[in-house]
Protein backbone atom coordinates (compact mmCIF):
# COMPACT_ATOMS: atom_id res chain seq x y z
CA MET A 1 79.70 120.91 66.00
CA LEU A 2 76.82 121.30 68.40
CA THR A 3 77.01 124.79 69.78
CA ARG A 4 75.16 125.72 72.91
CA ARG A 5 73.15 128.39 71.06
CA GLY A 6 72.15 125.89 68.32
CA PHE A 7 71.23 123.40 70.69
CA LEU A 8 68.80 125.60 72.52
CA GLN A 9 67.41 126.98 69.21
CA THR A 10 66.91 123.32 67.93
CA THR A 11 65.34 121.80 71.11
CA GLY A 12 62.82 124.64 71.43
CA THR A 13 61.70 127.19 73.87
CA ALA A 14 60.42 124.75 76.62
CA THR A 15 63.51 122.78 76.72
CA ALA A 16 65.71 125.88 76.64
CA ALA A 17 63.98 127.04 79.70
CA ALA A 18 64.55 123.93 81.44
CA LEU A 19 68.26 124.37 81.05
CA ALA A 20 68.56 125.76 84.73
CA THR A 21 67.01 122.66 85.99
CA PHE A 22 68.83 120.12 83.78
CA ARG A 23 70.02 118.03 86.70
CA ASP A 24 66.41 117.25 87.51
CA GLU A 25 65.29 116.80 83.82
CA GLY A 26 68.29 114.98 82.80
CA VAL A 27 66.58 112.33 80.48
CA ALA A 28 64.45 115.04 78.77
CA HIS A 29 67.45 117.30 78.11
CA LEU A 30 69.52 114.29 76.96
CA GLU A 31 66.96 113.19 74.46
CA ALA A 32 66.62 116.79 73.21
CA ALA A 33 70.51 116.79 72.66
CA SER A 34 70.29 113.39 70.95
CA ARG A 35 67.65 114.60 68.62
CA TYR A 36 70.06 117.38 67.43
CA ALA A 37 72.76 114.91 66.97
CA ALA A 38 70.61 112.38 65.08
CA SER A 39 71.84 113.55 61.86
CA LEU A 40 75.44 113.40 62.61
CA SER A 41 77.52 110.22 62.61
CA PRO A 42 78.60 108.70 65.82
CA GLU A 43 82.32 109.63 65.02
CA ASP A 44 81.26 113.41 64.62
CA VAL A 45 79.33 113.41 67.78
CA ALA A 46 82.23 111.71 69.73
CA GLY A 47 84.28 114.83 69.59
CA ASP A 48 81.55 117.21 70.05
CA GLU A 49 82.29 118.62 73.61
CA ASN A 50 78.88 120.70 73.80
CA TYR A 51 76.96 117.41 73.32
CA TRP A 52 78.89 115.54 75.85
CA ARG A 53 78.78 118.39 78.37
CA GLU A 54 75.05 117.88 78.43
CA ILE A 55 75.52 114.24 79.28
CA GLN A 56 78.19 115.16 82.02
CA GLN A 57 75.70 117.34 83.72
CA ALA A 58 73.30 114.43 84.25
CA PHE A 59 75.64 113.14 87.05
CA THR A 60 76.12 114.18 90.61
CA LEU A 61 79.99 113.70 90.98
CA ASP A 62 82.94 114.46 92.99
CA ARG A 63 85.01 116.36 90.50
CA THR A 64 87.76 116.87 92.94
CA LEU A 65 88.58 113.11 92.04
CA ILE A 66 89.30 111.84 88.37
CA ASN A 67 87.64 108.32 88.18
CA LEU A 68 89.24 106.24 85.67
CA ASN A 69 88.31 103.00 87.19
CA ASN A 70 84.86 102.80 85.69
CA GLY A 71 85.57 99.04 84.96
CA GLY A 72 84.84 98.35 88.63
CA CYS A 73 81.43 100.04 88.98
CA CYS A 74 80.00 103.33 87.81
CA PRO A 75 78.07 106.13 89.33
CA SER A 76 74.44 106.21 88.09
CA PRO A 77 72.97 109.48 86.42
CA ARG A 78 70.81 111.49 88.80
CA VAL A 79 67.73 110.23 87.25
CA VAL A 80 68.61 106.53 87.99
CA HIS A 81 69.82 107.25 91.50
CA GLU A 82 66.77 109.12 92.30
CA SER A 83 64.47 106.47 91.10
CA PHE A 84 66.38 104.05 93.12
CA LYS A 85 65.96 106.08 96.19
CA ARG A 86 62.27 106.61 95.48
CA TYR A 87 61.68 102.88 95.14
CA LEU A 88 63.51 102.44 98.47
CA ASP A 89 61.17 105.07 100.09
CA ILE A 90 58.24 103.44 98.61
CA SER A 91 59.29 99.93 99.93
CA ASN A 92 59.81 101.24 103.47
CA GLN A 93 56.29 102.27 103.94
CA SER A 94 55.18 98.73 104.40
CA PRO A 95 57.61 96.36 102.78
CA THR A 96 55.50 93.27 102.79
CA TYR A 97 52.78 95.17 100.76
CA HIS A 98 54.67 97.97 98.91
CA MET A 99 57.78 95.97 98.11
CA TRP A 100 56.33 92.68 97.40
CA GLN A 101 52.91 93.51 95.95
CA ILE A 102 53.62 96.91 94.20
CA LEU A 103 57.15 97.01 93.12
CA GLU A 104 58.47 93.36 92.74
CA PRO A 105 55.96 92.57 90.04
CA ASN A 106 57.43 95.21 87.88
CA ILE A 107 60.52 93.27 87.50
CA GLU A 108 58.70 91.84 84.39
CA SER A 109 58.86 95.16 82.73
CA VAL A 110 62.51 95.31 83.48
CA ARG A 111 62.90 91.69 82.03
CA ARG A 112 61.09 92.58 78.90
CA ARG A 113 63.17 95.81 78.19
CA LEU A 114 66.50 94.02 78.89
CA ALA A 115 65.72 91.07 76.66
CA ASN A 116 64.79 93.62 74.00
CA ALA A 117 68.02 95.39 74.25
CA PHE A 118 70.03 92.17 74.31
CA GLY A 119 67.94 90.62 71.56
CA CYS A 120 66.68 87.53 73.33
CA ASP A 121 63.33 86.02 74.43
CA ALA A 122 62.31 87.64 77.68
CA GLU A 123 61.83 83.94 78.94
CA GLU A 124 65.66 83.59 78.54
CA MET A 125 66.54 86.52 80.78
CA ALA A 126 67.13 86.17 84.44
CA ILE A 127 67.91 89.36 86.49
CA THR A 128 70.69 88.88 88.96
CA ARG A 129 72.88 91.02 91.31
CA ASN A 130 76.06 90.97 89.29
CA ALA A 131 77.83 89.12 86.63
CA SER A 132 79.62 86.79 89.16
CA GLU A 133 76.29 85.59 90.42
CA ALA A 134 74.94 85.05 86.95
CA LEU A 135 78.13 83.12 85.65
CA GLN A 136 78.23 80.89 88.70
CA ILE A 137 74.77 79.91 88.25
CA ALA A 138 75.91 78.47 84.80
CA GLN A 139 79.19 77.22 86.16
CA LEU A 140 77.85 75.42 89.10
CA GLY A 141 74.47 74.45 87.54
CA ILE A 142 75.85 72.54 84.59
CA ASP A 143 75.92 68.81 85.20
CA LEU A 144 79.56 67.57 84.89
CA GLU A 145 81.18 64.23 85.81
CA ALA A 146 84.66 63.54 86.98
CA GLY A 147 87.13 63.74 84.01
CA ASP A 148 85.00 66.26 82.05
CA GLU A 149 87.08 69.11 80.77
CA VAL A 150 86.35 72.75 80.96
CA ILE A 151 88.55 75.03 78.93
CA THR A 152 89.03 78.80 79.96
CA THR A 153 91.88 81.23 79.64
CA ASN A 154 94.50 82.35 82.26
CA GLN A 155 93.30 85.91 81.80
CA ASP A 156 89.51 85.19 82.81
CA TYR A 157 88.17 86.90 85.91
CA GLY A 158 89.73 85.59 89.19
CA ARG A 159 86.25 84.69 90.81
CA MET A 160 85.28 82.69 87.69
CA LEU A 161 88.45 80.74 87.87
CA ASP A 162 88.09 80.16 91.62
CA THR A 163 84.55 78.79 90.86
CA TRP A 164 85.89 76.25 88.42
CA GLU A 165 88.86 75.32 90.66
CA GLN A 166 86.26 74.56 93.35
CA ARG A 167 84.59 72.09 90.94
CA VAL A 168 87.99 70.55 90.20
CA ARG A 169 88.36 69.92 93.97
CA ARG A 170 84.71 68.87 94.52
CA ASP A 171 83.77 67.00 91.39
CA GLY A 172 87.07 65.92 89.83
CA ILE A 173 86.64 67.78 86.70
CA LYS A 174 89.53 68.89 84.58
CA LEU A 175 90.31 72.67 84.09
CA THR A 176 92.60 73.73 81.19
CA LYS A 177 93.59 77.42 81.00
CA VAL A 178 94.99 78.57 77.74
CA SER A 179 97.25 81.64 77.35
CA PHE A 180 96.99 84.22 74.64
CA PRO A 181 99.24 86.95 73.54
CA VAL A 182 98.81 90.65 74.85
CA PRO A 183 97.95 92.39 72.57
CA PRO A 184 96.83 89.76 70.00
CA LYS A 185 97.48 90.64 66.39
CA SER A 186 94.16 89.16 65.15
CA MET A 187 90.91 87.72 66.27
CA ASP A 188 91.87 84.43 64.66
CA VAL A 189 94.67 84.05 67.14
CA LEU A 190 92.26 84.22 70.04
CA ALA A 191 89.73 81.74 68.43
CA ASP A 192 92.58 79.29 67.48
CA ARG A 193 93.98 79.34 71.13
CA ILE A 194 90.82 78.16 72.64
CA LEU A 195 89.56 75.86 69.82
CA SER A 196 92.96 74.06 69.34
CA ALA A 197 92.80 73.23 73.05
CA ILE A 198 89.56 71.07 72.69
CA THR A 199 89.97 67.49 73.46
CA PRO A 200 87.37 64.56 73.50
CA ALA A 201 86.71 65.25 77.09
CA THR A 202 85.99 68.92 76.57
CA ARG A 203 82.33 69.70 77.73
CA VAL A 204 82.42 73.50 78.36
CA LEU A 205 84.38 76.52 77.03
CA HIS A 206 84.27 79.57 79.30
CA PHE A 207 85.85 82.98 78.10
CA CYS A 208 85.39 86.53 78.22
CA HIS A 209 83.42 88.68 75.75
CA ILE A 210 85.81 91.56 76.62
CA THR A 211 88.54 90.92 79.27
CA ASN A 212 88.76 93.05 82.49
CA LEU A 213 92.50 93.10 82.37
CA THR A 214 93.20 94.68 78.94
CA GLY A 215 89.80 95.26 77.31
CA GLN A 216 90.42 92.67 74.67
CA ILE A 217 87.20 91.73 72.74
CA PHE A 218 86.97 88.00 71.79
CA PRO A 219 85.51 86.62 68.57
CA VAL A 220 82.59 85.09 70.55
CA LYS A 221 80.47 83.89 67.65
CA LYS A 222 83.46 82.04 65.77
CA ILE A 223 84.27 80.14 69.09
CA ALA A 224 80.62 79.43 70.07
CA ASP A 225 79.47 78.21 66.56
CA GLU A 226 82.39 75.77 66.45
CA ALA A 227 81.72 74.67 70.02
CA ARG A 228 78.01 73.96 69.10
CA ARG A 229 79.08 71.92 66.14
CA ARG A 230 81.14 69.83 68.37
CA GLY A 231 78.33 69.50 71.07
CA ILE A 232 80.21 71.70 73.56
CA LYS A 233 78.43 74.37 75.59
CA THR A 234 79.73 77.98 75.85
CA ILE A 235 79.60 80.30 78.91
CA VAL A 236 80.64 83.86 78.07
CA ASP A 237 81.67 86.41 80.61
CA GLY A 238 80.24 89.61 79.41
CA ALA A 239 80.64 91.71 82.73
CA HIS A 240 82.20 94.47 80.92
CA ALA A 241 80.43 94.26 77.56
CA PHE A 242 76.72 95.11 77.99
CA ALA A 243 76.04 98.76 77.09
CA HIS A 244 79.55 99.37 76.26
CA PHE A 245 79.52 98.57 72.57
CA PRO A 246 77.01 97.50 69.98
CA TYR A 247 75.93 93.74 69.86
CA THR A 248 73.08 91.46 70.50
CA VAL A 249 72.86 87.76 71.31
CA ALA A 250 72.54 87.02 67.71
CA ASP A 251 76.10 88.38 67.30
CA LEU A 252 77.30 85.77 70.12
CA GLY A 253 75.64 82.45 69.61
CA CYS A 254 76.66 81.48 73.11
CA ASP A 255 74.69 79.26 75.48
CA TYR A 256 74.98 81.16 78.61
CA TYR A 257 75.96 84.82 79.08
CA GLY A 258 76.40 86.82 82.45
CA THR A 259 76.85 90.52 82.79
CA SER A 260 76.86 93.41 85.18
CA LEU A 261 74.62 96.30 84.78
CA HIS A 262 76.25 98.65 87.40
CA LYS A 263 79.24 99.13 84.87
CA TRP A 264 78.47 100.49 81.37
CA LEU A 265 74.59 100.56 81.74
CA LEU A 266 75.05 102.84 84.82
CA ALA A 267 72.34 101.11 86.65
CA PRO A 268 72.45 100.88 90.48
CA ILE A 269 75.17 98.70 92.13
CA GLY A 270 73.95 95.19 92.59
CA THR A 271 72.36 94.48 89.12
CA GLY A 272 72.96 92.16 86.50
CA PHE A 273 71.54 89.64 84.19
CA LEU A 274 71.96 85.87 83.04
CA TYR A 275 71.03 84.69 79.54
CA VAL A 276 70.26 81.12 79.26
CA ARG A 277 69.38 79.73 75.82
CA LYS A 278 65.94 78.54 76.27
CA GLU A 279 66.62 74.65 75.58
CA HIS A 280 69.05 74.70 78.29
CA ILE A 281 67.03 76.12 81.04
CA PRO A 282 65.40 72.97 82.49
CA ALA A 283 68.79 71.18 82.84
CA LEU A 284 70.46 74.12 84.49
CA TRP A 285 70.52 73.88 88.26
CA PRO A 286 69.84 77.12 90.16
CA LEU A 287 72.28 78.40 92.41
CA THR A 288 69.59 78.61 95.12
CA PRO A 289 67.22 75.63 94.99
CA ALA A 290 63.82 76.07 93.33
CA ALA A 291 60.70 74.01 93.22
CA ALA A 292 60.71 71.11 90.54
CA SER A 293 57.57 72.76 89.13
CA ARG A 294 59.79 75.80 87.97
CA ALA A 295 62.42 73.67 86.16
CA ASP A 296 61.84 75.25 82.99
CA ASN A 297 61.17 78.84 84.05
CA ILE A 298 63.97 81.34 83.81
CA ARG A 299 62.74 82.91 87.19
CA LYS A 300 64.11 80.02 89.14
CA PHE A 301 67.55 81.60 88.80
CA GLU A 302 66.17 84.71 90.79
CA GLU A 303 64.96 82.76 93.82
CA ILE A 304 67.49 84.34 96.41
CA GLY A 305 65.22 85.02 99.12
CA THR A 306 64.17 88.39 100.33
CA HIS A 307 65.77 91.03 98.44
CA PRO A 308 65.17 94.80 97.51
CA ALA A 309 62.96 95.59 94.55
CA ALA A 310 64.55 99.00 94.14
CA ASN A 311 67.81 97.89 92.61
CA HIS A 312 66.22 95.91 89.68
CA ASN A 313 63.33 98.36 89.09
CA ALA A 314 65.83 101.30 88.57
CA ILE A 315 67.40 99.43 85.75
CA ALA A 316 64.55 100.77 83.61
CA GLU A 317 65.66 104.38 84.12
CA ALA A 318 69.20 103.27 83.27
CA LEU A 319 68.04 101.71 80.14
CA THR A 320 66.16 104.98 79.30
CA PHE A 321 69.29 107.09 79.83
CA HIS A 322 71.46 104.65 77.79
CA GLU A 323 68.90 104.67 74.91
CA GLY A 324 68.70 108.41 74.94
CA ILE A 325 72.53 108.54 74.04
CA GLY A 326 72.52 105.60 71.71
CA ILE A 327 75.05 102.84 71.73
CA GLU A 328 76.70 103.73 68.77
CA ARG A 329 77.38 107.22 69.99
CA LYS A 330 78.44 106.01 73.27
CA ALA A 331 80.98 103.45 71.94
CA ALA A 332 82.37 106.04 69.63
CA ARG A 333 82.90 108.55 72.59
CA LEU A 334 84.54 105.90 74.79
CA ARG A 335 86.87 105.02 72.08
CA TYR A 336 87.47 108.71 71.40
CA LEU A 337 88.48 109.18 75.19
CA ARG A 338 90.50 106.01 75.26
CA ASN A 339 92.46 107.02 72.06
CA ARG A 340 93.04 110.49 73.32
CA TRP A 341 95.54 109.18 76.06
CA ALA A 342 96.55 105.96 74.38
CA ASP A 343 97.71 107.66 71.07
CA ARG A 344 99.72 110.20 72.95
CA LEU A 345 101.43 107.91 75.45
CA ALA A 346 102.15 105.22 72.94
CA ARG A 347 104.54 107.55 71.10
CA ASN A 348 106.61 107.84 74.31
CA PRO A 349 109.15 105.03 74.50
CA LYS A 350 108.87 104.67 78.34
CA PHE A 351 105.34 103.33 78.01
CA ARG A 352 104.02 99.99 76.53
CA ILE A 353 100.28 99.64 75.49
CA HIS A 354 98.96 96.25 76.25
CA THR A 355 95.64 96.79 74.42
CA ASN A 356 95.01 96.53 70.71
CA LEU A 357 93.52 99.77 69.65
CA ASP A 358 91.75 98.61 66.67
CA PRO A 359 88.12 99.26 67.13
CA ALA A 360 87.27 95.68 66.53
CA HIS A 361 89.50 94.62 69.43
CA SER A 362 88.83 97.16 72.19
CA CYS A 363 86.56 100.20 73.27
CA ALA A 364 86.83 102.19 76.40
CA ILE A 365 89.20 99.96 78.46
CA GLY A 366 93.02 100.28 77.93
CA ASN A 367 95.94 98.90 79.70
CA ILE A 368 99.23 100.81 79.87
CA GLU A 369 102.64 99.86 81.43
CA LEU A 370 105.24 102.41 82.61
CA ILE A 371 108.28 99.95 81.75
CA GLY A 372 110.45 99.23 84.84
CA THR A 373 107.89 100.62 87.33
CA PRO A 374 105.63 98.54 89.37
CA SER A 375 102.00 99.00 88.53
CA ALA A 376 101.15 99.44 92.26
CA LYS A 377 103.62 102.41 92.41
CA VAL A 378 102.25 104.10 89.45
CA VAL A 379 98.66 103.83 90.79
CA ALA A 380 99.80 105.17 94.06
CA GLN A 381 101.47 108.20 92.73
CA LEU A 382 98.39 108.83 90.38
CA TRP A 383 96.22 109.00 93.56
CA GLU A 384 98.65 110.75 95.90
CA LYS A 385 99.74 113.55 93.56
CA TRP A 386 96.85 113.73 91.16
CA ARG A 387 93.87 112.36 92.94
CA ILE A 388 93.40 110.01 89.85
CA ILE A 389 91.76 106.51 90.54
CA ALA A 390 93.09 103.77 88.42
CA THR A 391 93.54 100.00 88.68
CA PRO A 392 96.89 98.08 88.87
CA ILE A 393 97.02 95.07 86.78
CA VAL A 394 99.55 92.27 87.68
CA HIS A 395 99.46 89.17 85.69
CA GLU A 396 101.99 86.43 85.54
CA GLU A 397 102.72 87.37 81.80
CA TYR A 398 102.47 91.10 81.89
CA THR A 399 101.90 94.08 84.13
CA GLY A 400 100.09 97.53 83.72
CA VAL A 401 97.60 99.98 84.78
CA ARG A 402 94.05 99.68 83.58
CA ILE A 403 92.36 102.90 82.54
CA THR A 404 88.59 103.19 82.01
CA PRO A 405 86.89 106.58 81.34
CA ASN A 406 83.06 106.89 81.01
CA VAL A 407 80.65 109.19 79.28
CA TYR A 408 80.95 111.86 82.17
CA THR A 409 84.67 111.89 81.77
CA THR A 410 85.95 115.36 80.53
CA LEU A 411 88.78 115.89 78.09
CA GLU A 412 90.50 117.91 80.85
CA GLU A 413 90.49 114.86 83.10
CA VAL A 414 91.96 112.77 80.43
CA ASP A 415 94.58 115.39 79.72
CA THR A 416 95.48 115.57 83.50
CA PHE A 417 95.92 111.70 83.32
CA ILE A 418 98.19 112.18 80.38
CA THR A 419 100.32 114.85 82.20
CA ALA A 420 100.34 112.74 85.23
CA MET A 421 101.67 109.67 83.52
CA GLU A 422 104.43 111.60 81.70
CA SER A 423 105.54 113.02 85.11
CA ILE A 424 106.06 109.71 86.78
CA GLY A 425 109.20 107.77 86.62
């Protein structure tokens, strides 16, 4: 267990003296704490409240609220938010010079670091404003003819389903939505549901890496490898995956991948990326038209007109903060927090858990149903009586409340949620 005295002794006099100014030196203090924890397993660190207290203090939060909707978007650590504001201030001095000539070129450093974290070539990484934009570039940019089939699931994100439905209306493609059990008993069930739906007309498989409804992780590589063998392209919605749990593109094998960075990476709101396998870049049309000379350039997907440089440049600080914790430690902590409430409430017969708690199947996100009570009513009571922010999930096949803690969430906040849920009904 990391004690406060042990932490200070281990990190040295200079770091100890900086304790009072931790909020301004968050990354340095984080790195010092992580050096101490380097010899411990992620599982040991996951329950070490002294270590995570240092992480929690890196954020400027309203602790009169309990935010358990980190699946939407997350607050950035102070060091990230301050860098974002600094870049805005620099831009505002003379935007046509400072924003375009000084700050914008540094997107290449961000591209390189993101590509390294994801495990791809920098020339396969486009920086976008969110997962929806990234995925829509792929969805609307692939050449499809009338009668071509796209297979997805009926639990994919609504905006992405709407995008395919528009192609149905506009281009005459066929859209097939498959169902899957909640929670599934195995990864094979998920793969089989999608792969068994393939027909001779299938051209694209579109599915989530981890669903936003229940936090179900999919066997991406098994599906993508079989799709490639059959000449079918794969688009993977990774909106909730990047910086949430460990993986690289080599673990996926997909053709296109879109994610948001204002969720688990804790980057500024309005940041994301699109991965396109290099051989597919020339044939993929950008969402906003680009010159023909840029057909094989990943940057053609970033041509959205005038935009702030501050958002994407501050991603660099978010990556530094994320790497200071370490993805293995982070995932272990997120599962620790999720299991704290899920294990307790799962023993109560008035609740039903819609998330498979096996670490291979899920991480921070959990979905719980108070049997017989509408999800909207549960969420309303959590807010009105306890000031807890949660998300109601209403699907045609199940209903529940989505709960998503993050690294700044305290055990007291999780326990307050448990007490609140037990009191409802």
